[in-house]
Every structure is written in structure tokens, then in C-alpha cells.
C-alpha atoms as a PDB file:
ATOM      1  CA  MET A   1     -28.401 -14.245  -4.548  1.00  0.00           C
ATOM      2  CA  LYS A   2     -25.747 -13.615  -6.849  1.00  0.00           C
ATOM      3  CA  GLN A   3     -22.243 -12.378  -5.553  1.00  0.00           C
ATOM      4  CA  ALA A   4     -20.396  -9.476  -6.874  1.00  0.00           C
ATOM      5  CA  LYS A   5     -17.587 -10.109  -9.262  1.00  0.00           C
ATOM      6  CA  PRO A   6     -14.353  -9.006  -7.484  1.00  0.00           C
ATOM      7  CA  ALA A   7     -12.903  -6.002  -9.689  1.00  0.00           C
ATOM      8  CA  THR A   8      -9.893  -6.756 -11.895  1.00  0.00           C
ATOM      9  CA  ALA A   9      -6.821  -4.713 -11.965  1.00  0.00           C
ATOM     10  CA  PRO A  10      -7.528  -3.032 -15.322  1.00  0.00           C
ATOM     11  CA  ASP A  11     -10.930  -2.141 -13.990  1.00  0.00           C
ATOM     12  CA  VAL A  12      -9.362  -0.751 -11.065  1.00  0.00           C
ATOM     13  CA  LYS A  13      -6.727   1.164 -12.982  1.00  0.00           C
ATOM     14  CA  LEU A  14      -9.433   2.591 -15.249  1.00  0.00           C
ATOM     15  CA  LYS A  15     -11.359   3.812 -12.312  1.00  0.00           C
ATOM     16  CA  VAL A  16      -8.508   5.387 -10.643  1.00  0.00           C
ATOM     17  CA  VAL A  17      -7.367   7.340 -13.996  1.00  0.00           C
ATOM     18  CA  ILE A  18     -11.009   8.533 -14.739  1.00  0.00           C
ATOM     19  CA  VAL A  19     -11.463   9.886 -11.203  1.00  0.00           C
ATOM     20  CA  SER A  20      -8.037  11.453 -11.212  1.00  0.00           C
ATOM     21  CA  LEU A  21      -8.754  13.024 -14.583  1.00  0.00           C
ATOM     22  CA  VAL A  22     -12.370  14.235 -13.236  1.00  0.00           C
ATOM     23  CA  LEU A  23     -10.536  15.580 -10.085  1.00  0.00           C
ATOM     24  CA  ALA A  24      -7.930  17.530 -12.093  1.00  0.00           C
ATOM     25  CA  LEU A  25     -10.524  18.919 -14.502  1.00  0.00           C
ATOM     26  CA  GLY A  26     -12.630  19.934 -11.329  1.00  0.00           C
ATOM     27  CA  LEU A  27      -9.626  21.459  -9.519  1.00  0.00           C
ATOM     28  CA  GLY A  28      -8.263  23.256 -12.696  1.00  0.00           C
ATOM     29  CA  THR A  29     -11.629  24.638 -13.283  1.00  0.00           C
ATOM     30  CA  VAL A  30     -12.008  25.873  -9.652  1.00  0.00           C
ATOM     31  CA  LEU A  31      -8.184  27.124  -9.465  1.00  0.00           C
ATOM     32  CA  PHE A  32      -8.390  29.000 -12.905  1.00  0.00           C
ATOM     33  CA  ARG A  33     -11.965  30.740 -11.819  1.00  0.00           C
ATOM     34  CA  PHE A  34     -10.351  32.437  -8.712  1.00  0.00           C
ATOM     35  CA  LEU A  35      -6.979  33.050 -10.119  1.00  0.00           C
ATOM     36  CA  GLU A  36      -8.238  34.942 -13.272  1.00  0.00           C
ATOM     37  CA  PRO A  37     -11.181  37.020 -14.010  1.00  0.00           C
ATOM     38  CA  PHE A  38     -12.812  33.815 -15.884  1.00  0.00           C
ATOM     39  CA  THR A  39     -16.377  32.907 -15.504  1.00  0.00           C
ATOM     40  CA  TRP A  40     -17.252  29.197 -14.492  1.00  0.00           C
ATOM     41  CA  ILE A  41     -17.705  28.403 -18.168  1.00  0.00           C
ATOM     42  CA  GLN A  42     -14.128  30.472 -19.401  1.00  0.00           C
ATOM     43  CA  ALA A  43     -12.422  28.455 -16.388  1.00  0.00           C
ATOM     44  CA  PHE A  44     -13.726  25.176 -17.586  1.00  0.00           C
ATOM     45  CA  TYR A  45     -13.079  25.906 -21.150  1.00  0.00           C
ATOM     46  CA  PHE A  46      -9.460  27.143 -20.225  1.00  0.00           C
ATOM     47  CA  THR A  47      -8.837  23.742 -18.173  1.00  0.00           C
ATOM     48  CA  VAL A  48      -9.747  21.611 -21.028  1.00  0.00           C
ATOM     49  CA  ASN A  49      -7.492  23.415 -23.375  1.00  0.00           C
ATOM     50  CA  THR A  50      -4.632  23.240 -21.055  1.00  0.00           C
ATOM     51  CA  MET A  51      -5.202  19.419 -20.324  1.00  0.00           C
ATOM     52  CA  THR A  52      -5.655  18.501 -23.891  1.00  0.00           C
ATOM     53  CA  THR A  53      -2.621  20.961 -24.774  1.00  0.00           C
ATOM     54  CA  VAL A  54      -4.979  22.452 -27.585  1.00  0.00           C
ATOM     55  CA  GLY A  55      -3.990  26.132 -26.345  1.00  0.00           C
ATOM     56  CA  SER A  56      -6.005  28.056 -28.862  1.00  0.00           C
ATOM     57  CA  GLY A  57      -5.081  31.002 -27.154  1.00  0.00           C
ATOM     58  CA  ASP A  58      -8.176  32.890 -26.774  1.00  0.00           C
ATOM     59  CA  TRP A  59      -7.974  32.873 -22.954  1.00  0.00           C
ATOM     60  CA  VAL A  60      -4.389  33.322 -21.334  1.00  0.00           C
ATOM     61  CA  PRO A  61      -3.100  33.895 -17.946  1.00  0.00           C
ATOM     62  CA  SER A  62      -2.828  37.423 -17.073  1.00  0.00           C
ATOM     63  CA  ASN A  63       0.069  37.245 -14.567  1.00  0.00           C
ATOM     64  CA  ASP A  64       3.219  35.533 -13.661  1.00  0.00           C
ATOM     65  CA  GLY A  65       1.826  33.815 -10.741  1.00  0.00           C
ATOM     66  CA  THR A  66      -0.739  32.390 -12.611  1.00  0.00           C
ATOM     67  CA  ARG A  67       1.407  31.216 -15.609  1.00  0.00           C
ATOM     68  CA  LEU A  68       3.450  29.412 -13.007  1.00  0.00           C
ATOM     69  CA  VAL A  69       0.405  27.641 -11.757  1.00  0.00           C
ATOM     70  CA  VAL A  70      -0.427  26.756 -15.442  1.00  0.00           C
ATOM     71  CA  ALA A  71       2.934  25.555 -16.208  1.00  0.00           C
ATOM     72  CA  LEU A  72       2.701  23.297 -13.319  1.00  0.00           C
ATOM     73  CA  TYR A  73      -0.812  22.267 -13.675  1.00  0.00           C
ATOM     74  CA  THR A  74       0.043  21.338 -17.496  1.00  0.00           C
ATOM     75  CA  LEU A  75       2.550  19.031 -16.508  1.00  0.00           C
ATOM     76  CA  VAL A  76       0.385  17.008 -14.245  1.00  0.00           C
ATOM     77  CA  SER A  77      -2.738  17.189 -16.076  1.00  0.00           C
ATOM     78  CA  VAL A  78      -0.934  16.206 -19.496  1.00  0.00           C
ATOM     79  CA  SER A  79       0.445  13.166 -17.711  1.00  0.00           C
ATOM     80  CA  LEU A  80      -3.040  12.321 -16.225  1.00  0.00           C
ATOM     81  CA  TYR A  81      -4.603  12.767 -19.828  1.00  0.00           C
ATOM     82  CA  VAL A  82      -1.687  10.669 -21.873  1.00  0.00           C
ATOM     83  CA  SER A  83      -2.033   7.961 -18.968  1.00  0.00           C
ATOM     84  CA  PHE A  84      -5.706   7.758 -19.755  1.00  0.00           C
ATOM     85  CA  ILE A  85      -5.349   7.633 -23.526  1.00  0.00           C
ATOM     86  CA  THR A  86      -2.555   5.012 -23.179  1.00  0.00           C
ATOM     87  CA  PHE A  87      -4.483   2.774 -20.771  1.00  0.00           C
ATOM     88  CA  LEU A  88      -7.569   3.029 -23.054  1.00  0.00           C
ATOM     89  CA  GLY A  89      -5.833   2.114 -26.102  1.00  0.00           C
ATOM     90  CA  SER A  90      -3.871  -0.810 -24.388  1.00  0.00           C
ATOM     91  CA  HIS A  91      -7.032  -2.059 -22.745  1.00  0.00           C
ATOM     92  CA  LEU A  92      -8.796  -2.023 -25.904  1.00  0.00           C
ATOM     93  CA  LEU A  93      -6.003  -3.838 -27.843  1.00  0.00           C
ATOM     94  CA  GLU A  94      -5.880  -6.258 -24.902  1.00  0.00           C
ATOM     95  CA  LEU A  95      -9.784  -6.966 -25.500  1.00  0.00           C
ATOM     96  CA  ARG A  96      -9.270  -7.579 -29.062  1.00  0.00           C
ATOM     97  CA  THR A  97      -6.398  -9.753 -28.904  1.00  0.00           C
ATOM     98  CA  ARG A  98      -8.402 -11.968 -26.361  1.00  0.00           C
ATOM     99  CA  GLN A  99     -11.118 -12.067 -28.819  1.00  0.00           C
ATOM    100  CA  LEU A 100      -9.077 -12.856 -31.708  1.00  0.00           C
ATOM    101  CA  LEU A 101      -7.310 -15.953 -29.578  1.00  0.00           C
ATOM    102  CA  GLU A 102     -10.561 -17.246 -28.478  1.00  0.00           C
ATOM    103  CA  GLN A 103     -11.753 -17.233 -31.979  1.00  0.00           C
ATOM    104  CA  PHE A 104      -8.751 -18.773 -33.205  1.00  0.00           C
ATOM    105  CA  THR A 105      -8.863 -21.325 -30.302  1.00  0.00           C
ATOM    106  CA  LEU A 106     -12.487 -22.263 -31.247  1.00  0.00           C
ATOM    107  CA  GLU A 107     -11.516 -22.696 -35.046  1.00  0.00           C
ATOM    108  CA  LYS A 108      -8.602 -25.083 -34.135  1.00  0.00           C
ATOM    109  CA  THR A 109     -11.026 -27.112 -31.772  1.00  0.00           C
ATOM    110  CA  GLN A 110     -13.502 -27.403 -34.635  1.00  0.00           C
ATOM    111  CA  ASP A 111     -10.897 -28.437 -37.056  1.00  0.00           C
ATOM    112  CA  LYS A 112      -9.934 -31.303 -34.762  1.00  0.00           C
ATOM    113  CA  GLU A 113     -13.347 -32.617 -34.656  1.00  0.00           C
END
């Protein structure tokens, strides 16, 4: 029987960031569904617009309490979103660098033979 490979640090970090994003998306959707007269779809749409800083303006908070919640939610969710994009970019860059290094090492080894 094959034993499972232990998770590497980047794999664990990627999972943590993805789970955090999904939780923030779910929390925002539920939060805005009950703070505003939004349907579930509208709350989800508003949450995605807020997290990605698109802010199309077609759905806006209707009172100061919700505006405060949106401001705080934006600070947290945008940070998570940027962390995800940054991690994904650096992970892909690291993978490509390893591929190029392996290719270069292989070519150097073949040149010596």
C-alpha cells in the first residue's frame, strides 16, 4: 500500500488561503443578505464586487451601520484576496523556476557526457 506524501508548506498555505477566501465569501454573502434587503444572489454579487474592489455601484449599502460593516469587511477581504493572488503568482513563478533549473541542469549534464 502506498503511503500518502506529507503536505509541503506551500500546499498547506494554498489550502489555508483558499479556505479563508471561501469563508470570507460565504460570511459576506450571509452578512449582506441580512443587513440589506438583498436576495441571496444580490448579496453574493455584492460580496464578490466588494472583495475584488470592482465596486460597480449598482448595489450600495443603505445605512451607516452597513457602510461601516462594508468598510471593515473590505479591509479584511481585500487583504485575503491580494494574499491569494500574490501566493498564486509566487507559487507559479517558483514552479517555472524549478522547471528551468532542472532543464538547465539536465543540459549541462548531457554536455559533459
